[in-house]
Amino acid sequence: MTHKDGDWQGTQRRPDVPVPIWIKLAYVLPPSPRLRGLDGVPLRVRAAGIDIAKTVPGVLLAWHQTITGDWWALATFELTNRSRKPSLVVTQLVPAMSIRPRDT
């Protein structure tokens, strides 16, 4: 990992190459606490809404440390609905507990 991070003063780490990872979406995009299960959710939403219950492949681009000392991963990954289309590719910070290494 490179450690030259300019004004980040050691709170940013970038791997030399992007690292393949798995991302557990339930930790990244948690469901609303007011909803329990799918009761009352229209079928069209269940079919076409973003599927946040799965683990998806992604790429780790960097680590960023918060003011509380936690590390968050900057990752790129794809969001899909249950039919796997359409898709939305996002790059965002995700909590460290939501990722694990992926064999390539």
C-alpha atoms as a PDB file:
ATOM      1  CA  MET A   1       0.000   0.000   0.000  1.00  0.00           C
ATOM      2  CA  THR A   2       1.181   3.465  -0.731  1.00  0.00           C
ATOM      3  CA  HIS A   3       1.368   5.836   2.211  1.00  0.00           C
ATOM      4  CA  LYS A   4       1.720   9.169   0.441  1.00  0.00           C
ATOM      5  CA  ASP A   5      -1.639  10.709   1.158  1.00  0.00           C
ATOM      6  CA  GLY A   6      -0.989  14.439   1.067  1.00  0.00           C
ATOM      7  CA  ASP A   7      -3.247  16.343   3.438  1.00  0.00           C
ATOM      8  CA  TRP A   8      -4.882  13.180   4.813  1.00  0.00           C
ATOM      9  CA  GLN A   9      -2.084  12.882   7.422  1.00  0.00           C
ATOM     10  CA  GLY A  10      -2.070   9.096   7.543  1.00  0.00           C
ATOM     11  CA  THR A  11      -5.846   8.652   7.578  1.00  0.00           C
ATOM     12  CA  GLN A  12      -6.023   7.346   4.016  1.00  0.00           C
ATOM     13  CA  ARG A  13      -4.506   4.165   2.600  1.00  0.00           C
ATOM     14  CA  ARG A  14      -4.591   3.160  -1.057  1.00  0.00           C
ATOM     15  CA  PRO A  15      -3.565  -0.307  -2.228  1.00  0.00           C
ATOM     16  CA  ASP A  16      -1.086  -0.365  -5.101  1.00  0.00           C
ATOM     17  CA  VAL A  17      -3.743  -2.122  -7.199  1.00  0.00           C
ATOM     18  CA  PRO A  18      -7.511  -2.404  -6.597  1.00  0.00           C
ATOM     19  CA  VAL A  19      -8.340  -5.375  -4.356  1.00  0.00           C
ATOM     20  CA  PRO A  20     -11.242  -7.755  -5.163  1.00  0.00           C
ATOM     21  CA  ILE A  21     -13.671  -7.966  -2.223  1.00  0.00           C
ATOM     22  CA  TRP A  22     -17.114  -9.206  -1.225  1.00  0.00           C
ATOM     23  CA  ILE A  23     -19.533  -6.605   0.154  1.00  0.00           C
ATOM     24  CA  LYS A  24     -22.463  -7.516   2.397  1.00  0.00           C
ATOM     25  CA  LEU A  25     -25.110  -5.004   1.333  1.00  0.00           C
ATOM     26  CA  ALA A  26     -27.182  -5.363   4.506  1.00  0.00           C
ATOM     27  CA  TYR A  27     -24.353  -3.574   6.365  1.00  0.00           C
ATOM     28  CA  VAL A  28     -24.011  -0.902   3.674  1.00  0.00           C
ATOM     29  CA  LEU A  29     -27.696  -0.262   2.927  1.00  0.00           C
ATOM     30  CA  PRO A  30     -29.586  -1.466   6.007  1.00  0.00           C
ATOM     31  CA  PRO A  31     -33.351  -1.858   5.707  1.00  0.00           C
ATOM     32  CA  SER A  32     -35.610   0.655   7.364  1.00  0.00           C
ATOM     33  CA  PRO A  33     -36.197  -0.286  11.016  1.00  0.00           C
ATOM     34  CA  ARG A  34     -39.926   0.306  10.566  1.00  0.00           C
ATOM     35  CA  LEU A  35     -40.207  -2.540   8.069  1.00  0.00           C
ATOM     36  CA  ARG A  36     -40.153  -6.168   9.140  1.00  0.00           C
ATOM     37  CA  GLY A  37     -39.905  -8.548   6.215  1.00  0.00           C
ATOM     38  CA  LEU A  38     -41.773  -7.986   2.989  1.00  0.00           C
ATOM     39  CA  ASP A  39     -45.316  -7.796   4.363  1.00  0.00           C
ATOM     40  CA  GLY A  40     -47.065  -4.765   2.956  1.00  0.00           C
ATOM     41  CA  VAL A  41     -44.404  -4.106   0.305  1.00  0.00           C
ATOM     42  CA  PRO A  42     -45.990  -4.075  -3.171  1.00  0.00           C
ATOM     43  CA  LEU A  43     -44.947  -6.875  -5.523  1.00  0.00           C
ATOM     44  CA  ARG A  44     -43.606  -4.392  -8.107  1.00  0.00           C
ATOM     45  CA  VAL A  45     -41.237  -2.974  -5.465  1.00  0.00           C
ATOM     46  CA  ARG A  46     -40.104  -6.424  -4.353  1.00  0.00           C
ATOM     47  CA  ALA A  47     -39.393  -7.340  -7.984  1.00  0.00           C
ATOM     48  CA  ALA A  48     -37.776  -4.117  -9.199  1.00  0.00           C
ATOM     49  CA  GLY A  49     -36.291  -2.551  -6.051  1.00  0.00           C
ATOM     50  CA  ILE A  50     -32.594  -2.764  -5.169  1.00  0.00           C
ATOM     51  CA  ASP A  51     -31.820  -6.150  -3.607  1.00  0.00           C
ATOM     52  CA  ILE A  52     -30.019  -5.216  -0.375  1.00  0.00           C
ATOM     53  CA  ALA A  53     -30.135  -8.712   1.120  1.00  0.00           C
ATOM     54  CA  LYS A  54     -27.218 -10.153  -0.818  1.00  0.00           C
ATOM     55  CA  THR A  55     -23.447 -10.119  -0.853  1.00  0.00           C
ATOM     56  CA  VAL A  56     -21.944  -8.702  -4.045  1.00  0.00           C
ATOM     57  CA  PRO A  57     -18.474  -8.604  -5.594  1.00  0.00           C
ATOM     58  CA  GLY A  58     -16.678  -5.293  -5.520  1.00  0.00           C
ATOM     59  CA  VAL A  59     -13.288  -3.628  -5.690  1.00  0.00           C
ATOM     60  CA  LEU A  60     -11.506  -1.942  -2.781  1.00  0.00           C
ATOM     61  CA  LEU A  61      -9.960   1.347  -3.905  1.00  0.00           C
ATOM     62  CA  ALA A  62      -8.838   2.893  -0.607  1.00  0.00           C
ATOM     63  CA  TRP A  63      -9.256   2.974   3.148  1.00  0.00           C
ATOM     64  CA  HIS A  64     -10.327   6.140   4.981  1.00  0.00           C
ATOM     65  CA  GLN A  65     -10.181   6.610   8.743  1.00  0.00           C
ATOM     66  CA  THR A  66     -12.945   8.493  10.553  1.00  0.00           C
ATOM     67  CA  ILE A  67     -12.513  10.893  13.463  1.00  0.00           C
ATOM     68  CA  THR A  68     -13.549   8.053  15.803  1.00  0.00           C
ATOM     69  CA  GLY A  69     -10.734   5.828  14.521  1.00  0.00           C
ATOM     70  CA  ASP A  70     -12.913   3.487  12.449  1.00  0.00           C
ATOM     71  CA  TRP A  71     -11.739   2.533   8.973  1.00  0.00           C
ATOM     72  CA  TRP A  72     -14.130   2.663   6.013  1.00  0.00           C
ATOM     73  CA  ALA A  73     -13.442   1.170   2.599  1.00  0.00           C
ATOM     74  CA  LEU A  74     -13.898   3.147  -0.596  1.00  0.00           C
ATOM     75  CA  ALA A  75     -15.346   0.511  -2.899  1.00  0.00           C
ATOM     76  CA  THR A  76     -16.926   0.177  -6.312  1.00  0.00           C
ATOM     77  CA  PHE A  77     -19.727  -2.350  -6.721  1.00  0.00           C
ATOM     78  CA  GLU A  78     -22.925  -3.014  -8.632  1.00  0.00           C
ATOM     79  CA  LEU A  79     -26.474  -2.790  -7.291  1.00  0.00           C
ATOM     80  CA  THR A  80     -29.200  -4.797  -9.018  1.00  0.00           C
ATOM     81  CA  ASN A  81     -32.787  -5.816  -8.482  1.00  0.00           C
ATOM     82  CA  ARG A  82     -33.835  -9.438  -8.095  1.00  0.00           C
ATOM     83  CA  SER A  83     -33.831  -9.996 -11.856  1.00  0.00           C
ATOM     84  CA  ARG A  84     -30.248  -8.619 -11.920  1.00  0.00           C
ATOM     85  CA  LYS A  85     -31.225  -5.793 -14.261  1.00  0.00           C
ATOM     86  CA  PRO A  86     -31.050  -2.929 -14.582  1.00  0.00           C
ATOM     87  CA  SER A  87     -27.875  -2.325 -12.651  1.00  0.00           C
ATOM     88  CA  LEU A  88     -26.296   0.670 -10.995  1.00  0.00           C
ATOM     89  CA  VAL A  89     -22.536   0.856 -10.474  1.00  0.00           C
ATOM     90  CA  VAL A  90     -21.628   2.902  -7.403  1.00  0.00           C
ATOM     91  CA  THR A  91     -18.436   3.996  -5.701  1.00  0.00           C
ATOM     92  CA  GLN A  92     -18.945   4.826  -2.048  1.00  0.00           C
ATOM     93  CA  LEU A  93     -17.576   4.422   1.450  1.00  0.00           C
ATOM     94  CA  VAL A  94     -18.652   1.205   3.173  1.00  0.00           C
ATOM     95  CA  PRO A  95     -17.969   0.099   6.760  1.00  0.00           C
ATOM     96  CA  ALA A  96     -15.020  -2.247   7.230  1.00  0.00           C
ATOM     97  CA  MET A  97     -17.278  -4.919   8.739  1.00  0.00           C
ATOM     98  CA  SER A  98     -19.200  -5.130   5.446  1.00  0.00           C
ATOM     99  CA  ILE A  99     -16.284  -6.422   3.363  1.00  0.00           C
ATOM    100  CA  ARG A 100     -14.101  -9.502   3.114  1.00  0.00           C
ATOM    101  CA  PRO A 101     -11.402 -10.577   0.633  1.00  0.00           C
ATOM    102  CA  ARG A 102     -12.471 -12.282  -2.581  1.00  0.00           C
ATOM    103  CA  ASP A 103     -10.400 -14.904  -4.383  1.00  0.00           C
ATOM    104  CA  THR A 104      -9.805 -13.813  -7.949  1.00  0.00           C
END
